[in-house]
Amino acid sequence: MQSSPPSILIRSGAEALGTFILVLFGCGSVHVAVLTGDLALGNVALVWAIAIMLAIFCVGGISGGHINPAMTLAFAAWGRFPLRYVPGYLLGQLFGAIVAAGVLFTLFNPALEEKELAKGVERGQRGSEITAMCYGEYFPSPGKLGRGPGPYDAEAHDRHDALVPHGSAFLAEFLGTAILALMVFAVIDERNPAAPPARLAPVFIGLTVAILICIFAPLTQACFNPARDFGPRLFAAGVGWGSVAIPGPNGLGFFTVYILAPIAGAIVGGGVYSLGLRPSFPTLPDPL
């Protein structure tokens, strides 16, 4: 007997769980890197890649494993996903990210406080980006400011901020998410003869994200996912980081760089595949 397809509530719940898994492990690796220095950039990228694979393997059979509002909107924009499901997916993704941030804060807050004390910064004041980056993201990545045994240096912070202007940060997030969407559309397309078997698609999606993180993380912390940034950022604003989290030191930059740019990039990347590449592949025969 064939069962009925999952309801929108179940699908959205699966997206919440998948995004929770993604943020718990991904942002968890950022916590470890920031607070202990035991994870280098390549290790963090690998953890994010595995987190994506596990999340998609876990919930992909129910919801498709979008775990990213930019991808949900790109699928909808190019006719690969029903518009009526979009609000539920976006809410589920945001909820899962917020809950994961809450779990990480519960686990790591004493270590975060110790880091702030060692660096001589007060949570919610300038300089506390060195711990807030465990949740929301910043351009350029403030990780360098928190390394080493010395105290936080405001002048070094000023020089560091000048390295990545807003336009460069927007381009990095737009381009990175466009590449991600292009690859996602390619590896899941049943018409693409070079696509991997369906059960291996999450592996290649995770590897794509790992490559992107290795290149773009020093610039913007490599978001490519509005829920991954905004959910933890919203949580951080409510537990002490305040305006350092929202709107952050770049004003509306958190919206343009970490929400608008990924959404636009995903839609463009999906369009490049849908309009530029997919028409060249053979059409599948109609089922008998």
C-alpha atoms as a PDB file:
ATOM      1  CA  MET A   1       0.000   0.000   0.000  1.00  0.00           C
ATOM      2  CA  GLN A   2       1.373   3.399  -0.988  1.00  0.00           C
ATOM      3  CA  SER A   3       1.391   5.900   1.867  1.00  0.00           C
ATOM      4  CA  SER A   4       0.330   9.486   1.403  1.00  0.00           C
ATOM      5  CA  PRO A   5       3.086  12.098   0.966  1.00  0.00           C
ATOM      6  CA  PRO A   6       4.249  13.935   4.099  1.00  0.00           C
ATOM      7  CA  SER A   7       2.178  16.937   5.137  1.00  0.00           C
ATOM      8  CA  ILE A   8       3.616  20.432   5.020  1.00  0.00           C
ATOM      9  CA  LEU A   9       3.900  20.342   8.819  1.00  0.00           C
ATOM     10  CA  ILE A  10       6.016  17.190   8.697  1.00  0.00           C
ATOM     11  CA  ARG A  11       8.104  18.558   5.828  1.00  0.00           C
ATOM     12  CA  SER A  12       8.731  21.813   7.682  1.00  0.00           C
ATOM     13  CA  GLY A  13       9.574  19.896  10.847  1.00  0.00           C
ATOM     14  CA  ALA A  14      12.093  17.860   8.886  1.00  0.00           C
ATOM     15  CA  GLU A  15      13.659  21.085   7.608  1.00  0.00           C
ATOM     16  CA  ALA A  16      13.870  22.339  11.199  1.00  0.00           C
ATOM     17  CA  LEU A  17      15.630  19.143  12.272  1.00  0.00           C
ATOM     18  CA  GLY A  18      17.987  19.182   9.292  1.00  0.00           C
ATOM     19  CA  THR A  19      18.939  22.813   9.878  1.00  0.00           C
ATOM     20  CA  PHE A  20      19.404  22.083  13.581  1.00  0.00           C
ATOM     21  CA  ILE A  21      21.885  19.332  12.707  1.00  0.00           C
ATOM     22  CA  LEU A  22      23.682  21.600  10.247  1.00  0.00           C
ATOM     23  CA  VAL A  23      24.048  24.528  12.662  1.00  0.00           C
ATOM     24  CA  LEU A  24      24.797  22.397  15.716  1.00  0.00           C
ATOM     25  CA  PHE A  25      27.798  20.740  14.097  1.00  0.00           C
ATOM     26  CA  GLY A  26      28.827  23.596  11.795  1.00  0.00           C
ATOM     27  CA  CYS A  27      28.644  26.424  14.309  1.00  0.00           C
ATOM     28  CA  GLY A  28      29.902  24.000  16.936  1.00  0.00           C
ATOM     29  CA  SER A  29      33.114  23.687  14.942  1.00  0.00           C
ATOM     30  CA  VAL A  30      33.369  27.488  14.869  1.00  0.00           C
ATOM     31  CA  HIS A  31      33.067  27.549  18.666  1.00  0.00           C
ATOM     32  CA  VAL A  32      35.896  25.033  18.993  1.00  0.00           C
ATOM     33  CA  ALA A  33      38.092  26.916  16.519  1.00  0.00           C
ATOM     34  CA  VAL A  34      37.517  30.283  18.219  1.00  0.00           C
ATOM     35  CA  LEU A  35      37.720  29.121  21.815  1.00  0.00           C
ATOM     36  CA  THR A  36      40.492  26.524  21.666  1.00  0.00           C
ATOM     37  CA  GLY A  37      42.357  27.056  18.408  1.00  0.00           C
ATOM     38  CA  ASP A  38      42.318  23.286  17.922  1.00  0.00           C
ATOM     39  CA  LEU A  39      40.586  23.416  14.518  1.00  0.00           C
ATOM     40  CA  ALA A  40      42.179  25.038  11.476  1.00  0.00           C
ATOM     41  CA  LEU A  41      40.125  26.415   8.606  1.00  0.00           C
ATOM     42  CA  GLY A  42      40.340  23.195   6.629  1.00  0.00           C
ATOM     43  CA  ASN A  43      39.054  21.214   9.604  1.00  0.00           C
ATOM     44  CA  VAL A  44      36.134  23.599  10.072  1.00  0.00           C
ATOM     45  CA  ALA A  45      35.302  23.294   6.371  1.00  0.00           C
ATOM     46  CA  LEU A  46      35.336  19.505   6.671  1.00  0.00           C
ATOM     47  CA  VAL A  47      32.992  19.569   9.660  1.00  0.00           C
ATOM     48  CA  TRP A  48      30.545  21.792   7.760  1.00  0.00           C
ATOM     49  CA  ALA A  49      30.723  19.408   4.794  1.00  0.00           C
ATOM     50  CA  ILE A  50      29.954  16.371   6.947  1.00  0.00           C
ATOM     51  CA  ALA A  51      27.200  18.258   8.786  1.00  0.00           C
ATOM     52  CA  ILE A  52      25.502  19.011   5.464  1.00  0.00           C
ATOM     53  CA  MET A  53      25.803  15.394   4.348  1.00  0.00           C
ATOM     54  CA  LEU A  54      24.337  14.074   7.603  1.00  0.00           C
ATOM     55  CA  ALA A  55      21.500  16.593   7.623  1.00  0.00           C
ATOM     56  CA  ILE A  56      20.469  15.789   4.053  1.00  0.00           C
ATOM     57  CA  PHE A  57      20.792  12.038   4.565  1.00  0.00           C
ATOM     58  CA  CYS A  58      18.636  12.368   7.695  1.00  0.00           C
ATOM     59  CA  VAL A  59      15.717  14.447   6.363  1.00  0.00           C
ATOM     60  CA  GLY A  60      16.161  14.535   2.590  1.00  0.00           C
ATOM     61  CA  GLY A  61      13.739  11.671   2.061  1.00  0.00           C
ATOM     62  CA  ILE A  62      10.983  13.702   3.733  1.00  0.00           C
ATOM     63  CA  SER A  63      11.583  17.327   2.808  1.00  0.00           C
ATOM     64  CA  GLY A  64      14.258  17.187   0.122  1.00  0.00           C
ATOM     65  CA  GLY A  65      16.862  18.441   2.597  1.00  0.00           C
ATOM     66  CA  HIS A  66      16.974  22.079   1.533  1.00  0.00           C
ATOM     67  CA  ILE A  67      18.208  23.241   5.001  1.00  0.00           C
ATOM     68  CA  ASN A  68      18.796  26.665   3.451  1.00  0.00           C
ATOM     69  CA  PRO A  69      16.242  29.399   2.637  1.00  0.00           C
ATOM     70  CA  ALA A  70      18.301  30.508  -0.364  1.00  0.00           C
ATOM     71  CA  MET A  71      18.021  27.036  -1.885  1.00  0.00           C
ATOM     72  CA  THR A  72      14.306  26.786  -1.101  1.00  0.00           C
ATOM     73  CA  LEU A  73      13.674  30.100  -2.852  1.00  0.00           C
ATOM     74  CA  ALA A  74      15.872  29.124  -5.799  1.00  0.00           C
ATOM     75  CA  PHE A  75      14.008  25.843  -6.259  1.00  0.00           C
ATOM     76  CA  ALA A  76      10.709  27.712  -6.117  1.00  0.00           C
ATOM     77  CA  ALA A  77      11.907  30.411  -8.514  1.00  0.00           C
ATOM     78  CA  TRP A  78      12.794  27.818 -11.169  1.00  0.00           C
ATOM     79  CA  GLY A  79       9.721  25.652 -10.809  1.00  0.00           C
ATOM     80  CA  ARG A  80      11.390  22.882  -8.826  1.00  0.00           C
ATOM     81  CA  PHE A  81       9.407  23.413  -5.614  1.00  0.00           C
ATOM     82  CA  PRO A  82       5.774  24.419  -4.855  1.00  0.00           C
ATOM     83  CA  LEU A  83       5.407  28.027  -3.733  1.00  0.00           C
ATOM     84  CA  ARG A  84       2.807  27.057  -1.132  1.00  0.00           C
ATOM     85  CA  TYR A  85       5.449  25.149   0.823  1.00  0.00           C
ATOM     86  CA  VAL A  86       7.964  28.003   0.937  1.00  0.00           C
ATOM     87  CA  PRO A  87       6.762  29.849   4.107  1.00  0.00           C
ATOM     88  CA  GLY A  88       6.700  26.649   6.167  1.00  0.00           C
ATOM     89  CA  TYR A  89      10.166  25.660   5.012  1.00  0.00           C
ATOM     90  CA  LEU A  90      11.631  29.076   5.792  1.00  0.00           C
ATOM     91  CA  LEU A  91      10.107  29.105   9.272  1.00  0.00           C
ATOM     92  CA  GLY A  92      11.297  25.565   9.953  1.00  0.00           C
ATOM     93  CA  GLN A  93      14.833  26.378   8.853  1.00  0.00           C
ATOM     94  CA  LEU A  94      14.976  29.518  10.996  1.00  0.00           C
ATOM     95  CA  PHE A  95      13.563  27.696  14.021  1.00  0.00           C
ATOM     96  CA  GLY A  96      16.064  24.858  13.727  1.00  0.00           C
ATOM     97  CA  ALA A  97      18.962  27.317  13.506  1.00  0.00           C
ATOM     98  CA  ILE A  98      17.798  29.244  16.588  1.00  0.00           C
ATOM     99  CA  VAL A  99      17.398  26.089  18.664  1.00  0.00           C
ATOM    100  CA  ALA A 100      20.862  24.878  17.663  1.00  0.00           C
ATOM    101  CA  ALA A 101      22.328  28.252  18.665  1.00  0.00           C
ATOM    102  CA  GLY A 102      20.610  27.936  22.048  1.00  0.00           C
ATOM    103  CA  VAL A 103      22.079  24.487  22.626  1.00  0.00           C
ATOM    104  CA  LEU A 104      25.577  25.674  21.697  1.00  0.00           C
ATOM    105  CA  PHE A 105      25.273  28.701  23.985  1.00  0.00           C
ATOM    106  CA  THR A 106      24.230  26.477  26.875  1.00  0.00           C
ATOM    107  CA  LEU A 107      27.257  24.262  26.304  1.00  0.00           C
ATOM    108  CA  PHE A 108      29.890  26.898  25.571  1.00  0.00           C
ATOM    109  CA  ASN A 109      28.909  30.062  27.460  1.00  0.00           C
ATOM    110  CA  PRO A 110      31.470  29.611  30.273  1.00  0.00           C
ATOM    111  CA  ALA A 111      34.223  29.235  27.671  1.00  0.00           C
ATOM    112  CA  LEU A 112      32.914  32.261  25.779  1.00  0.00           C
ATOM    113  CA  GLU A 113      33.048  34.345  28.959  1.00  0.00           C
ATOM    114  CA  GLU A 114      36.585  33.146  29.642  1.00  0.00           C
ATOM    115  CA  LYS A 115      37.632  34.176  26.126  1.00  0.00           C
ATOM    116  CA  GLU A 116      36.126  37.639  26.563  1.00  0.00           C
ATOM    117  CA  LEU A 117      37.849  38.048  29.929  1.00  0.00           C
ATOM    118  CA  ALA A 118      41.206  36.991  28.495  1.00  0.00           C
ATOM    119  CA  LYS A 119      40.864  39.455  25.614  1.00  0.00           C
ATOM    120  CA  GLY A 120      39.565  42.285  27.769  1.00  0.00           C
ATOM    121  CA  VAL A 121      36.302  42.778  25.883  1.00  0.00           C
ATOM    122  CA  GLU A 122      32.793  43.225  27.214  1.00  0.00           C
ATOM    123  CA  ARG A 123      30.005  41.284  25.612  1.00  0.00           C
ATOM    124  CA  GLY A 124      27.815  43.616  23.586  1.00  0.00           C
ATOM    125  CA  GLN A 125      30.603  46.176  23.111  1.00  0.00           C
ATOM    126  CA  ARG A 126      32.971  46.604  20.179  1.00  0.00           C
ATOM    127  CA  GLY A 127      35.500  43.825  20.166  1.00  0.00           C
ATOM    128  CA  SER A 128      33.028  41.185  21.295  1.00  0.00           C
ATOM    129  CA  GLU A 129      32.715  40.183  17.638  1.00  0.00           C
ATOM    130  CA  ILE A 130      35.527  37.774  18.513  1.00  0.00           C
ATOM    131  CA  THR A 131      32.953  35.648  20.363  1.00  0.00           C
ATOM    132  CA  ALA A 132      29.781  36.764  18.551  1.00  0.00           C
ATOM    133  CA  MET A 133      31.277  35.263  15.370  1.00  0.00           C
ATOM    134  CA  CYS A 134      30.434  31.856  16.809  1.00  0.00           C
ATOM    135  CA  TYR A 135      26.812  32.712  16.018  1.00  0.00           C
ATOM    136  CA  GLY A 136      26.305  35.443  13.407  1.00  0.00           C
ATOM    137  CA  GLU A 137      28.882  36.245  10.766  1.00  0.00           C
ATOM    138  CA  TYR A 138      31.054  39.275  10.053  1.00  0.00           C
ATOM    139  CA  PHE A 139      33.130  40.701   7.247  1.00  0.00           C
ATOM    140  CA  PRO A 140      36.021  40.390   7.325  1.00  0.00           C
ATOM    141  CA  SER A 141      36.107  37.396   9.646  1.00  0.00           C
ATOM    142  CA  PRO A 142      37.184  38.661  13.094  1.00  0.00           C
ATOM    143  CA  GLY A 143      38.845  35.368  13.962  1.00  0.00           C
ATOM    144  CA  LYS A 144      42.313  36.875  13.596  1.00  0.00           C
ATOM    145  CA  LEU A 145      41.524  39.447  16.302  1.00  0.00           C
ATOM    146  CA  GLY A 146      40.879  36.771  18.895  1.00  0.00           C
ATOM    147  CA  ARG A 147      44.014  34.717  18.334  1.00  0.00           C
ATOM    148  CA  GLY A 148      47.136  34.825  20.450  1.00  0.00           C
ATOM    149  CA  PRO A 149      47.665  35.572  24.128  1.00  0.00           C
ATOM    150  CA  GLY A 150      47.511  39.375  23.959  1.00  0.00           C
ATOM    151  CA  PRO A 151      44.481  41.583  24.674  1.00  0.00           C
ATOM    152  CA  TYR A 152      42.054  42.843  22.056  1.00  0.00           C
ATOM    153  CA  ASP A 153      43.513  45.722  20.022  1.00  0.00           C
ATOM    154  CA  ALA A 154      40.990  48.307  18.790  1.00  0.00           C
ATOM    155  CA  GLU A 155      43.443  49.867  16.341  1.00  0.00           C
ATOM    156  CA  ALA A 156      44.201  46.475  14.812  1.00  0.00           C
ATOM    157  CA  HIS A 157      40.441  45.983  14.538  1.00  0.00           C
ATOM    158  CA  ASP A 158      40.121  49.211  12.532  1.00  0.00           C
ATOM    159  CA  ARG A 159      42.859  48.134  10.137  1.00  0.00           C
ATOM    160  CA  HIS A 160      41.349  44.670   9.840  1.00  0.00           C
ATOM    161  CA  ASP A 161      37.868  45.965   8.990  1.00  0.00           C
ATOM    162  CA  ALA A 162      39.240  47.928   6.054  1.00  0.00           C
ATOM    163  CA  LEU A 163      40.399  44.737   4.328  1.00  0.00           C
ATOM    164  CA  VAL A 164      36.924  43.702   3.105  1.00  0.00           C
ATOM    165  CA  PRO A 165      34.573  46.520   2.064  1.00  0.00           C
ATOM    166  CA  HIS A 166      30.842  45.957   1.784  1.00  0.00           C
ATOM    167  CA  GLY A 167      30.902  45.463  -1.991  1.00  0.00           C
ATOM    168  CA  SER A 168      33.534  42.755  -1.787  1.00  0.00           C
ATOM    169  CA  ALA A 169      31.632  40.970   0.968  1.00  0.00           C
ATOM    170  CA  PHE A 170      28.385  41.100  -1.039  1.00  0.00           C
ATOM    171  CA  LEU A 171      30.141  39.714  -4.105  1.00  0.00           C
ATOM    172  CA  ALA A 172      31.741  36.894  -2.104  1.00  0.00           C
ATOM    173  CA  GLU A 173      28.422  35.747  -0.650  1.00  0.00           C
ATOM    174  CA  PHE A 174      26.594  36.177  -3.958  1.00  0.00           C
ATOM    175  CA  LEU A 175      29.208  34.277  -5.956  1.00  0.00           C
ATOM    176  CA  GLY A 176      29.676  31.549  -3.370  1.00  0.00           C
ATOM    177  CA  THR A 177      25.947  30.836  -3.131  1.00  0.00           C
ATOM    178  CA  ALA A 178      25.554  30.990  -6.916  1.00  0.00           C
ATOM    179  CA  ILE A 179      28.229  28.302  -7.273  1.00  0.00           C
ATOM    180  CA  LEU A 180      26.598  26.241  -4.531  1.00  0.00           C
ATOM    181  CA  ALA A 181      23.180  26.448  -6.201  1.00  0.00           C
ATOM    182  CA  LEU A 182      24.654  25.624  -9.605  1.00  0.00           C
ATOM    183  CA  MET A 183      26.232  22.470  -8.199  1.00  0.00           C
ATOM    184  CA  VAL A 184      23.132  21.465  -6.231  1.00  0.00           C
ATOM    185  CA  PHE A 185      20.929  21.786  -9.302  1.00  0.00           C
ATOM    186  CA  ALA A 186      23.463  19.760 -11.290  1.00  0.00           C
ATOM    187  CA  VAL A 187      23.974  16.857  -8.892  1.00  0.00           C
ATOM    188  CA  ILE A 188      20.265  16.296  -8.210  1.00  0.00           C
ATOM    189  CA  ASP A 189      19.115  16.556 -11.824  1.00  0.00           C
ATOM    190  CA  GLU A 190      17.851  13.236 -13.100  1.00  0.00           C
ATOM    191  CA  ARG A 191      18.437  14.444 -16.667  1.00  0.00           C
ATOM    192  CA  ASN A 192      22.133  15.110 -16.092  1.00  0.00           C
ATOM    193  CA  PRO A 193      24.031  12.022 -17.292  1.00  0.00           C
ATOM    194  CA  ALA A 194      27.111  13.044 -15.304  1.00  0.00           C
ATOM    195  CA  ALA A 195      25.257  13.473 -12.012  1.00  0.00           C
ATOM    196  CA  PRO A 196      26.178  11.047  -9.214  1.00  0.00           C
ATOM    197  CA  PRO A 197      23.687   8.438  -8.006  1.00  0.00           C
ATOM    198  CA  ALA A 198      20.964  10.111  -5.973  1.00  0.00           C
ATOM    199  CA  ARG A 199      22.221   8.815  -2.639  1.00  0.00           C
ATOM    200  CA  LEU A 200      25.636  10.353  -3.255  1.00  0.00           C
ATOM    201  CA  ALA A 201      24.352  13.835  -4.062  1.00  0.00           C
ATOM    202  CA  PRO A 202      24.681  15.025  -0.416  1.00  0.00           C
ATOM    203  CA  VAL A 203      28.361  14.067  -0.463  1.00  0.00           C
ATOM    204  CA  PHE A 204      29.081  16.298  -3.444  1.00  0.00           C
ATOM    205  CA  ILE A 205      26.995  19.132  -2.010  1.00  0.00           C
ATOM    206  CA  GLY A 206      28.984  18.928   1.216  1.00  0.00           C
ATOM    207  CA  LEU A 207      32.277  18.897  -0.649  1.00  0.00           C
ATOM    208  CA  THR A 208      31.206  21.967  -2.618  1.00  0.00           C
ATOM    209  CA  VAL A 209      30.553  23.825   0.625  1.00  0.00           C
ATOM    210  CA  ALA A 210      33.926  22.720   2.016  1.00  0.00           C
ATOM    211  CA  ILE A 211      35.727  24.187  -0.990  1.00  0.00           C
ATOM    212  CA  LEU A 212      33.766  27.429  -0.757  1.00  0.00           C
ATOM    213  CA  ILE A 213      34.527  27.789   2.950  1.00  0.00           C
ATOM    214  CA  CYS A 214      38.248  27.333   2.353  1.00  0.00           C
ATOM    215  CA  ILE A 215      38.200  30.211  -0.153  1.00  0.00           C
ATOM    216  CA  PHE A 216      35.638  32.652   1.228  1.00  0.00           C
ATOM    217  CA  ALA A 217      35.721  32.182   5.023  1.00  0.00           C
ATOM    218  CA  PRO A 218      38.514  34.743   5.623  1.00  0.00           C
ATOM    219  CA  LEU A 219      36.374  37.324   3.818  1.00  0.00           C
ATOM    220  CA  THR A 220      32.843  36.771   5.159  1.00  0.00           C
ATOM    221  CA  GLN A 221      33.001  33.595   7.265  1.00  0.00           C
ATOM    222  CA  ALA A 222      31.335  31.911   4.255  1.00  0.00           C
ATOM    223  CA  CYS A 223      27.631  31.957   5.042  1.00  0.00           C
ATOM    224  CA  PHE A 224      25.702  31.047   1.857  1.00  0.00           C
ATOM    225  CA  ASN A 225      22.679  30.303   4.060  1.00  0.00           C
ATOM    226  CA  PRO A 226      20.439  33.033   5.546  1.00  0.00           C
ATOM    227  CA  ALA A 227      19.014  30.755   8.261  1.00  0.00           C
ATOM    228  CA  ARG A 228      22.490  29.696   9.385  1.00  0.00           C
ATOM    229  CA  ASP A 229      23.387  33.353   9.945  1.00  0.00           C
ATOM    230  CA  PHE A 230      20.172  35.065  10.995  1.00  0.00           C
ATOM    231  CA  GLY A 231      18.916  32.406  13.415  1.00  0.00           C
ATOM    232  CA  PRO A 232      22.065  32.308  15.569  1.00  0.00           C
ATOM    233  CA  ARG A 233      22.536  36.070  15.147  1.00  0.00           C
ATOM    234  CA  LEU A 234      19.021  36.684  16.450  1.00  0.00           C
ATOM    235  CA  PHE A 235      19.692  34.422  19.404  1.00  0.00           C
ATOM    236  CA  ALA A 236      23.014  36.131  20.157  1.00  0.00           C
ATOM    237  CA  ALA A 237      21.378  39.556  20.134  1.00  0.00           C
ATOM    238  CA  GLY A 238      19.006  38.372  22.835  1.00  0.00           C
ATOM    239  CA  VAL A 239      21.594  36.871  25.189  1.00  0.00           C
ATOM    240  CA  GLY A 240      24.044  39.727  25.576  1.00  0.00           C
ATOM    241  CA  TRP A 241      25.658  40.699  22.290  1.00  0.00           C
ATOM    242  CA  GLY A 242      22.864  43.148  21.454  1.00  0.00           C
ATOM    243  CA  SER A 243      23.749  45.598  18.701  1.00  0.00           C
ATOM    244  CA  VAL A 244      27.052  43.813  18.053  1.00  0.00           C
ATOM    245  CA  ALA A 245      24.894  40.972  16.710  1.00  0.00           C
ATOM    246  CA  ILE A 246      22.035  43.009  15.174  1.00  0.00           C
ATOM    247  CA  PRO A 247      22.635  45.105  13.203  1.00  0.00           C
ATOM    248  CA  GLY A 248      26.342  44.543  13.843  1.00  0.00           C
ATOM    249  CA  PRO A 249      29.247  46.882  13.063  1.00  0.00           C
ATOM    250  CA  ASN A 250      28.303  47.199   9.386  1.00  0.00           C
ATOM    251  CA  GLY A 251      24.765  48.463   9.830  1.00  0.00           C
ATOM    252  CA  LEU A 252      22.454  46.851   7.305  1.00  0.00           C
ATOM    253  CA  GLY A 253      25.411  44.866   5.969  1.00  0.00           C
ATOM    254  CA  PHE A 254      24.150  41.824   7.865  1.00  0.00           C
ATOM    255  CA  PHE A 255      20.990  41.945   5.730  1.00  0.00           C
ATOM    256  CA  THR A 256      22.530  42.732   2.360  1.00  0.00           C
ATOM    257  CA  VAL A 257      25.545  40.403   2.695  1.00  0.00           C
ATOM    258  CA  TYR A 258      24.105  37.456   4.622  1.00  0.00           C
ATOM    259  CA  ILE A 259      20.449  37.418   3.554  1.00  0.00           C
ATOM    260  CA  LEU A 260      20.018  39.272   0.268  1.00  0.00           C
ATOM    261  CA  ALA A 261      23.267  38.198  -1.426  1.00  0.00           C
ATOM    262  CA  PRO A 262      22.801  34.440  -0.772  1.00  0.00           C
ATOM    263  CA  ILE A 263      19.189  34.531  -1.956  1.00  0.00           C
ATOM    264  CA  ALA A 264      20.085  36.433  -5.130  1.00  0.00           C
ATOM    265  CA  GLY A 265      23.108  34.218  -5.724  1.00  0.00           C
ATOM    266  CA  ALA A 266      21.115  30.997  -5.336  1.00  0.00           C
ATOM    267  CA  ILE A 267      18.438  32.181  -7.765  1.00  0.00           C
ATOM    268  CA  VAL A 268      21.065  33.224 -10.311  1.00  0.00           C
ATOM    269  CA  GLY A 269      23.046  29.995  -9.900  1.00  0.00           C
ATOM    270  CA  GLY A 270      19.882  27.944 -10.299  1.00  0.00           C
ATOM    271  CA  GLY A 271      19.009  29.987 -13.370  1.00  0.00           C
ATOM    272  CA  VAL A 272      22.393  29.413 -14.980  1.00  0.00           C
ATOM    273  CA  TYR A 273      21.827  25.700 -14.651  1.00  0.00           C
ATOM    274  CA  SER A 274      18.115  25.676 -15.553  1.00  0.00           C
ATOM    275  CA  LEU A 275      18.394  27.952 -18.577  1.00  0.00           C
ATOM    276  CA  GLY A 276      21.975  27.462 -19.697  1.00  0.00           C
ATOM    277  CA  LEU A 277      22.899  23.830 -19.024  1.00  0.00           C
ATOM    278  CA  ARG A 278      19.808  21.705 -18.464  1.00  0.00           C
ATOM    279  CA  PRO A 279      18.292  22.254 -21.947  1.00  0.00           C
ATOM    280  CA  SER A 280      21.349  20.507 -23.436  1.00  0.00           C
ATOM    281  CA  PHE A 281      20.623  17.259 -21.617  1.00  0.00           C
ATOM    282  CA  PRO A 282      18.371  14.584 -23.112  1.00  0.00           C
ATOM    283  CA  THR A 283      14.745  14.628 -22.067  1.00  0.00           C
ATOM    284  CA  LEU A 284      13.734  11.628 -20.012  1.00  0.00           C
ATOM    285  CA  PRO A 285      11.251   9.283 -21.679  1.00  0.00           C
ATOM    286  CA  ASP A 286       7.693   9.412 -20.411  1.00  0.00           C
ATOM    287  CA  PRO A 287       6.899   6.591 -17.971  1.00  0.00           C
ATOM    288  CA  LEU A 288       4.753   3.810 -19.408  1.00  0.00           C
END
